[in-house]
C-alpha atoms as a PDB file:
ATOM      1  CA  MET A   1     -28.630  76.416  40.401  1.00  0.00           C
ATOM      2  CA  LEU A   2     -26.007  78.714  38.235  1.00  0.00           C
ATOM      3  CA  ALA A   3     -23.192  77.607  40.300  1.00  0.00           C
ATOM      4  CA  ALA A   4     -23.656  73.822  39.655  1.00  0.00           C
ATOM      5  CA  GLU A   5     -23.823  74.330  35.646  1.00  0.00           C
ATOM      6  CA  GLN A   6     -20.774  76.516  35.436  1.00  0.00           C
ATOM      7  CA  ALA A   7     -18.980  73.370  37.756  1.00  0.00           C
ATOM      8  CA  ASN A   8     -20.262  70.559  35.336  1.00  0.00           C
ATOM      9  CA  GLN A   9     -18.813  72.999  32.605  1.00  0.00           C
ATOM     10  CA  ARG A  10     -15.730  73.378  33.795  1.00  0.00           C
ATOM     11  CA  ARG A  11     -15.349  69.484  34.359  1.00  0.00           C
ATOM     12  CA  VAL A  12     -15.890  68.354  31.064  1.00  0.00           C
ATOM     13  CA  ILE A  13     -13.017  70.813  29.525  1.00  0.00           C
ATOM     14  CA  LYS A  14     -10.190  68.924  28.436  1.00  0.00           C
ATOM     15  CA  THR A  15      -6.648  69.789  27.547  1.00  0.00           C
ATOM     16  CA  VAL A  16      -5.087  68.351  24.565  1.00  0.00           C
ATOM     17  CA  GLN A  17      -0.883  68.116  25.291  1.00  0.00           C
ATOM     18  CA  LYS A  18       1.973  68.570  22.404  1.00  0.00           C
ATOM     19  CA  LYS A  19       3.784  65.404  21.853  1.00  0.00           C
ATOM     20  CA  ASN A  20       7.353  66.252  22.019  1.00  0.00           C
ATOM     21  CA  PHE A  21       8.810  63.755  19.862  1.00  0.00           C
ATOM     22  CA  LEU A  22       7.611  63.085  16.446  1.00  0.00           C
ATOM     23  CA  LYS A  23       9.312  60.411  13.667  1.00  0.00           C
ATOM     24  CA  LEU A  24       6.521  60.796  11.133  1.00  0.00           C
ATOM     25  CA  GLY A  25       8.360  62.126   8.034  1.00  0.00           C
ATOM     26  CA  ARG A  26      11.817  62.654   9.003  1.00  0.00           C
ATOM     27  CA  PHE A  27      14.675  61.093   8.852  1.00  0.00           C
ATOM     28  CA  GLU A  28      17.251  59.057  11.141  1.00  0.00           C
ATOM     29  CA  ALA A  29      20.868  58.548  11.037  1.00  0.00           C
ATOM     30  CA  SER A  30      22.403  56.086  13.130  1.00  0.00           C
ATOM     31  CA  PRO A  31      26.454  55.242  13.376  1.00  0.00           C
ATOM     32  CA  ARG A  32      26.648  52.480  15.360  1.00  0.00           C
ATOM     33  CA  SER A  33      29.240  50.104  16.670  1.00  0.00           C
ATOM     34  CA  ALA A  34      28.849  45.988  16.259  1.00  0.00           C
ATOM     35  CA  SER A  35      29.948  42.398  16.814  1.00  0.00           C
ATOM     36  CA  SER A  36      29.166  39.506  15.660  1.00  0.00           C
ATOM     37  CA  ARG A  37      28.161  37.022  18.484  1.00  0.00           C
ATOM     38  CA  THR A  38      28.030  33.554  16.316  1.00  0.00           C
ATOM     39  CA  THR A  39      31.621  33.575  14.220  1.00  0.00           C
ATOM     40  CA  LEU A  40      34.328  31.984  15.629  1.00  0.00           C
ATOM     41  CA  PRO A  41      36.504  35.314  15.296  1.00  0.00           C
ATOM     42  CA  GLN A  42      34.110  37.951  16.606  1.00  0.00           C
ATOM     43  CA  PRO A  43      34.864  40.772  14.294  1.00  0.00           C
ATOM     44  CA  HIS A  44      34.631  44.594  15.713  1.00  0.00           C
ATOM     45  CA  ILE A  45      32.199  46.456  13.066  1.00  0.00           C
ATOM     46  CA  LEU A  46      31.685  49.687  12.129  1.00  0.00           C
ATOM     47  CA  SER A  47      28.166  50.344  10.522  1.00  0.00           C
ATOM     48  CA  GLY A  48      25.673  52.947   9.661  1.00  0.00           C
ATOM     49  CA  SER A  49      22.420  53.909   8.527  1.00  0.00           C
ATOM     50  CA  VAL A  50      19.918  56.212   7.257  1.00  0.00           C
ATOM     51  CA  GLY A  51      15.933  55.345   7.938  1.00  0.00           C
ATOM     52  CA  TYR A  52      13.021  57.756   6.944  1.00  0.00           C
ATOM     53  CA  HIS A  53      10.270  57.359   8.876  1.00  0.00           C
ATOM     54  CA  ILE A  54       6.754  56.686   6.655  1.00  0.00           C
ATOM     55  CA  THR A  55       4.769  57.134   9.684  1.00  0.00           C
ATOM     56  CA  GLU A  56       5.262  56.811  13.587  1.00  0.00           C
ATOM     57  CA  ILE A  57       5.236  53.379  13.185  1.00  0.00           C
ATOM     58  CA  PHE A  58       6.475  52.451   9.785  1.00  0.00           C
ATOM     59  CA  ALA A  59       9.867  52.853   8.303  1.00  0.00           C
ATOM     60  CA  VAL A  60      12.849  52.698   5.705  1.00  0.00           C
ATOM     61  CA  GLU A  61      16.169  52.102   6.552  1.00  0.00           C
ATOM     62  CA  ALA A  62      19.293  51.117   4.622  1.00  0.00           C
ATOM     63  CA  ALA A  63      22.632  50.422   6.317  1.00  0.00           C
ATOM     64  CA  LEU A  64      26.097  49.424   5.565  1.00  0.00           C
ATOM     65  CA  GLY A  65      29.250  47.710   7.952  1.00  0.00           C
ATOM     66  CA  PHE A  66      32.669  47.276   7.542  1.00  0.00           C
ATOM     67  CA  ALA A  67      35.041  44.628   9.386  1.00  0.00           C
ATOM     68  CA  PRO A  68      38.538  44.949   8.821  1.00  0.00           C
ATOM     69  CA  ASP A  69      40.360  41.716   8.243  1.00  0.00           C
ATOM     70  CA  LEU A  70      43.279  41.607  10.259  1.00  0.00           C
ATOM     71  CA  GLY A  71      44.449  38.147   9.941  1.00  0.00           C
ATOM     72  CA  GLU A  72      45.399  36.663  13.268  1.00  0.00           C
ATOM     73  CA  GLY A  73      44.779  39.194  15.046  1.00  0.00           C
ATOM     74  CA  ASP A  74      40.994  38.523  14.852  1.00  0.00           C
ATOM     75  CA  TRP A  75      42.279  34.742  16.314  1.00  0.00           C
ATOM     76  CA  LYS A  76      41.149  34.149  20.087  1.00  0.00           C
ATOM     77  CA  PRO A  77      42.459  31.713  22.032  1.00  0.00           C
ATOM     78  CA  ILE A  78      40.715  29.284  21.519  1.00  0.00           C
ATOM     79  CA  THR A  79      41.704  29.924  17.862  1.00  0.00           C
ATOM     80  CA  LYS A  80      45.140  29.316  18.328  1.00  0.00           C
ATOM     81  CA  GLN A  81      45.046  26.281  20.903  1.00  0.00           C
ATOM     82  CA  LEU A  82      42.786  24.594  17.546  1.00  0.00           C
ATOM     83  CA  VAL A  83      45.398  25.537  15.168  1.00  0.00           C
ATOM     84  CA  GLU A  84      48.473  25.695  17.007  1.00  0.00           C
ATOM     85  CA  GLU A  85      48.276  23.138  19.534  1.00  0.00           C
ATOM     86  CA  ASN A  86      45.579  20.568  18.438  1.00  0.00           C
ATOM     87  CA  HIS A  87      46.888  21.043  14.373  1.00  0.00           C
ATOM     88  CA  VAL A  88      43.096  20.989  14.094  1.00  0.00           C
ATOM     89  CA  SER A  89      41.489  23.676  11.121  1.00  0.00           C
ATOM     90  CA  PRO A  90      38.389  25.368  12.069  1.00  0.00           C
ATOM     91  CA  ASP A  91      36.369  26.543   9.241  1.00  0.00           C
ATOM     92  CA  ILE A  92      37.054  30.361   9.758  1.00  0.00           C
ATOM     93  CA  SER A  93      34.606  32.866   7.780  1.00  0.00           C
ATOM     94  CA  LYS A  94      35.105  36.562   8.466  1.00  0.00           C
ATOM     95  CA  MET A  95      32.401  38.710   7.553  1.00  0.00           C
ATOM     96  CA  THR A  96      34.462  41.885   6.055  1.00  0.00           C
ATOM     97  CA  PHE A  97      31.633  44.126   4.144  1.00  0.00           C
ATOM     98  CA  ILE A  98      27.235  44.074   4.846  1.00  0.00           C
ATOM     99  CA  GLY A  99      24.850  46.106   3.131  1.00  0.00           C
ATOM    100  CA  ASN A 100      20.960  45.850   3.232  1.00  0.00           C
ATOM    101  CA  VAL A 101      17.386  47.170   3.096  1.00  0.00           C
ATOM    102  CA  THR A 102      15.062  46.605   5.648  1.00  0.00           C
ATOM    103  CA  PHE A 103      11.228  47.536   6.855  1.00  0.00           C
ATOM    104  CA  GLN A 104      11.121  48.661  10.324  1.00  0.00           C
ATOM    105  CA  PHE A 105       7.927  48.353  12.525  1.00  0.00           C
ATOM    106  CA  SER A 106       7.288  49.953  15.805  1.00  0.00           C
ATOM    107  CA  PRO A 107       4.684  48.755  17.522  1.00  0.00           C
ATOM    108  CA  ILE A 108       5.553  49.381  21.229  1.00  0.00           C
ATOM    109  CA  TYR A 109       5.908  52.902  21.983  1.00  0.00           C
ATOM    110  CA  GLY A 110       5.774  55.241  24.760  1.00  0.00           C
ATOM    111  CA  LYS A 111       7.494  57.816  27.327  1.00  0.00           C
ATOM    112  CA  VAL A 112       9.035  57.736  30.871  1.00  0.00           C
ATOM    113  CA  ALA A 113       8.333  60.732  32.962  1.00  0.00           C
ATOM    114  CA  LEU A 114      11.753  61.549  35.302  1.00  0.00           C
ATOM    115  CA  ASN A 115      10.030  64.813  36.817  1.00  0.00           C
ATOM    116  CA  SER A 116       7.868  67.538  36.233  1.00  0.00           C
ATOM    117  CA  ARG A 117      10.011  69.036  32.793  1.00  0.00           C
ATOM    118  CA  ASN A 118      11.438  65.805  31.558  1.00  0.00           C
ATOM    119  CA  ILE A 119      10.566  63.302  29.833  1.00  0.00           C
ATOM    120  CA  ILE A 120      12.038  60.417  28.243  1.00  0.00           C
ATOM    121  CA  ASN A 121      10.515  58.850  25.088  1.00  0.00           C
ATOM    122  CA  PHE A 122      11.162  54.895  24.110  1.00  0.00           C
ATOM    123  CA  ASP A 123      10.335  52.434  21.320  1.00  0.00           C
ATOM    124  CA  ILE A 124      10.485  49.003  20.641  1.00  0.00           C
ATOM    125  CA  TYR A 125      11.098  47.895  16.934  1.00  0.00           C
ATOM    126  CA  GLY A 126      11.249  44.741  14.830  1.00  0.00           C
ATOM    127  CA  ALA A 127      12.642  44.992  11.219  1.00  0.00           C
ATOM    128  CA  PHE A 128      13.181  42.058   8.585  1.00  0.00           C
ATOM    129  CA  GLY A 129      14.607  43.212   4.810  1.00  0.00           C
ATOM    130  CA  MET A 130      17.758  41.910   2.109  1.00  0.00           C
ATOM    131  CA  GLY A 131      20.980  42.564   1.144  1.00  0.00           C
ATOM    132  CA  ALA A 132      24.803  41.179   0.846  1.00  0.00           C
ATOM    133  CA  THR A 133      27.422  40.180   2.847  1.00  0.00           C
ATOM    134  CA  ARG A 134      30.886  39.481   1.806  1.00  0.00           C
ATOM    135  CA  THR A 135      33.086  37.080   3.183  1.00  0.00           C
ATOM    136  CA  VAL A 136      36.832  35.998   3.274  1.00  0.00           C
ATOM    137  CA  ASP A 137      38.255  32.491   4.453  1.00  0.00           C
ATOM    138  CA  ASP A 138      40.872  32.707   6.611  1.00  0.00           C
ATOM    139  CA  LEU A 139      43.206  30.247   4.929  1.00  0.00           C
ATOM    140  CA  ASN A 140      45.514  30.119   7.146  1.00  0.00           C
ATOM    141  CA  ALA A 141      43.706  28.586  10.250  1.00  0.00           C
ATOM    142  CA  LEU A 142      41.874  26.539   7.410  1.00  0.00           C
ATOM    143  CA  GLN A 143      45.884  25.614   6.764  1.00  0.00           C
ATOM    144  CA  ALA A 144      45.120  25.607   2.555  1.00  0.00           C
ATOM    145  CA  LEU A 145      46.997  28.786   1.521  1.00  0.00           C
ATOM    146  CA  ASN A 146      48.067  27.281  -1.474  1.00  0.00           C
ATOM    147  CA  ASP A 147      45.211  25.582  -2.033  1.00  0.00           C
ATOM    148  CA  PRO A 148      43.661  26.337  -4.991  1.00  0.00           C
ATOM    149  CA  ILE A 149      40.214  24.805  -3.915  1.00  0.00           C
ATOM    150  CA  ALA A 150      39.968  26.951  -1.241  1.00  0.00           C
ATOM    151  CA  LEU A 151      41.517  29.992  -3.005  1.00  0.00           C
ATOM    152  CA  ALA A 152      38.722  29.808  -5.275  1.00  0.00           C
ATOM    153  CA  THR A 153      36.080  30.397  -2.743  1.00  0.00           C
ATOM    154  CA  GLN A 154      38.349  32.153   0.013  1.00  0.00           C
ATOM    155  CA  VAL A 155      36.430  35.823  -1.397  1.00  0.00           C
ATOM    156  CA  GLN A 156      32.402  35.099  -1.668  1.00  0.00           C
ATOM    157  CA  THR A 157      29.434  37.877  -2.037  1.00  0.00           C
ATOM    158  CA  HIS A 158      26.198  36.125  -0.524  1.00  0.00           C
ATOM    159  CA  PRO A 159      22.740  37.139  -1.261  1.00  0.00           C
ATOM    160  CA  THR A 160      21.666  37.871   2.401  1.00  0.00           C
ATOM    161  CA  THR A 161      17.850  37.383   4.471  1.00  0.00           C
ATOM    162  CA  THR A 162      18.356  39.840   7.915  1.00  0.00           C
ATOM    163  CA  PHE A 163      15.588  40.023  10.779  1.00  0.00           C
ATOM    164  CA  GLY A 164      15.887  41.599  14.041  1.00  0.00           C
ATOM    165  CA  GLY A 165      14.527  44.401  16.284  1.00  0.00           C
ATOM    166  CA  GLY A 166      16.040  46.312  18.817  1.00  0.00           C
ATOM    167  CA  ALA A 167      15.016  49.300  21.181  1.00  0.00           C
ATOM    168  CA  ARG A 168      15.558  53.505  21.143  1.00  0.00           C
ATOM    169  CA  VAL A 169      15.805  55.898  23.989  1.00  0.00           C
ATOM    170  CA  ILE A 170      14.926  59.311  23.030  1.00  0.00           C
ATOM    171  CA  PHE A 171      16.469  62.078  24.808  1.00  0.00           C
ATOM    172  CA  ASN A 172      15.193  65.574  22.973  1.00  0.00           C
ATOM    173  CA  GLU A 173      13.716  65.640  19.493  1.00  0.00           C
ATOM    174  CA  TRP A 174      17.044  65.366  17.712  1.00  0.00           C
ATOM    175  CA  PHE A 175      19.243  62.624  19.688  1.00  0.00           C
ATOM    176  CA  ALA A 176      18.379  59.244  20.682  1.00  0.00           C
ATOM    177  CA  VAL A 177      20.417  55.929  22.350  1.00  0.00           C
ATOM    178  CA  ARG A 178      19.664  52.843  20.191  1.00  0.00           C
ATOM    179  CA  VAL A 179      20.280  48.994  20.585  1.00  0.00           C
ATOM    180  CA  ASP A 180      19.964  46.975  17.564  1.00  0.00           C
ATOM    181  CA  GLY A 181      20.033  42.816  16.727  1.00  0.00           C
ATOM    182  CA  ARG A 182      20.121  41.217  13.775  1.00  0.00           C
ATOM    183  CA  SER A 183      20.277  37.979  12.421  1.00  0.00           C
ATOM    184  CA  LEU A 184      21.846  37.612   9.330  1.00  0.00           C
ATOM    185  CA  VAL A 185      21.058  34.469   7.149  1.00  0.00           C
ATOM    186  CA  TYR A 186      22.941  33.442   3.625  1.00  0.00           C
ATOM    187  CA  ILE A 187      24.348  30.152   2.288  1.00  0.00           C
ATOM    188  CA  GLU A 188      28.148  29.986   1.969  1.00  0.00           C
ATOM    189  CA  THR A 189      30.719  27.893  -0.649  1.00  0.00           C
ATOM    190  CA  VAL A 190      32.740  25.930   1.504  1.00  0.00           C
ATOM    191  CA  ASN A 191      36.232  24.687  -0.539  1.00  0.00           C
ATOM    192  CA  SER A 192      34.182  24.908  -3.991  1.00  0.00           C
ATOM    193  CA  THR A 193      32.226  21.687  -3.066  1.00  0.00           C
ATOM    194  CA  THR A 194      29.994  22.414  -0.104  1.00  0.00           C
ATOM    195  CA  LEU A 195      26.815  24.440   0.323  1.00  0.00           C
ATOM    196  CA  GLU A 196      26.628  25.752   4.255  1.00  0.00           C
ATOM    197  CA  MET A 197      23.848  27.722   5.242  1.00  0.00           C
ATOM    198  CA  LYS A 198      25.424  30.503   7.822  1.00  0.00           C
ATOM    199  CA  ASN A 199      23.057  32.199  10.361  1.00  0.00           C
ATOM    200  CA  ASN A 200      25.515  35.300  12.261  1.00  0.00           C
ATOM    201  CA  PHE A 201      23.973  37.310  14.739  1.00  0.00           C
ATOM    202  CA  ILE A 202      24.742  41.231  15.209  1.00  0.00           C
ATOM    203  CA  LEU A 203      24.654  42.930  18.055  1.00  0.00           C
ATOM    204  CA  SER A 204      25.060  46.678  18.188  1.00  0.00           C
ATOM    205  CA  GLY A 205      25.140  49.983  19.616  1.00  0.00           C
ATOM    206  CA  GLY A 206      24.723  53.735  18.880  1.00  0.00           C
ATOM    207  CA  ALA A 207      23.445  56.577  18.446  1.00  0.00           C
ATOM    208  CA  SER A 208      20.613  58.161  16.157  1.00  0.00           C
ATOM    209  CA  PHE A 209      20.144  61.791  15.055  1.00  0.00           C
ATOM    210  CA  PHE A 210      16.871  62.961  13.747  1.00  0.00           C
ATOM    211  CA  PHE A 211      16.089  65.469  11.221  1.00  0.00           C
ATOM    212  CA  PRO A 212      14.575  67.780   9.704  1.00  0.00           C
ATOM    213  CA  ASN A 213      13.175  69.625  13.103  1.00  0.00           C
ATOM    214  CA  MET A 214      10.068  68.752  14.388  1.00  0.00           C
ATOM    215  CA  PRO A 215       7.709  71.486  12.709  1.00  0.00           C
END
């Protein structure tokens, strides 16, 4: 009888395993490299962000991105063909600066055990927010270098809505790899006369560093 009671007591003993990664109350700095997948010249964008994780699921993040204007160096073969051979003036508007503040929601997260000692965490998140985008029209491609109407709206800054999502693969308590996709939606003035809605999709990848250390 005594042996049976001791066996029952042993069966109900539970252990609580400490989590090996926490985002709550920590900052995340993320340098990334990105490119636009929708504009005719696909600029190379250097970007970075700093976020604060309010909880394990919710976070607020501020991001900046810069793309140098390389002139004809940004042209793709199709652009050169349109301008030089077909004598067509494509509407080329290059993004040169991006800034936004977004709210993140991470409803899906988990971990994968590679072996008895190594565990990799991951999460998948959605994001939405507001910001600004600076664009420069390529007047050479537009064949409008001396057109005062085109010059008047060559450089513009647009209020921008941003939404998208991404994923993190977390290797330890302070380092992760991150992939992110965002749509930037804004209204642009073309040749000082026409309003056109643009939706540029930005794909980026990079690293994330979490601080301070976990308690």
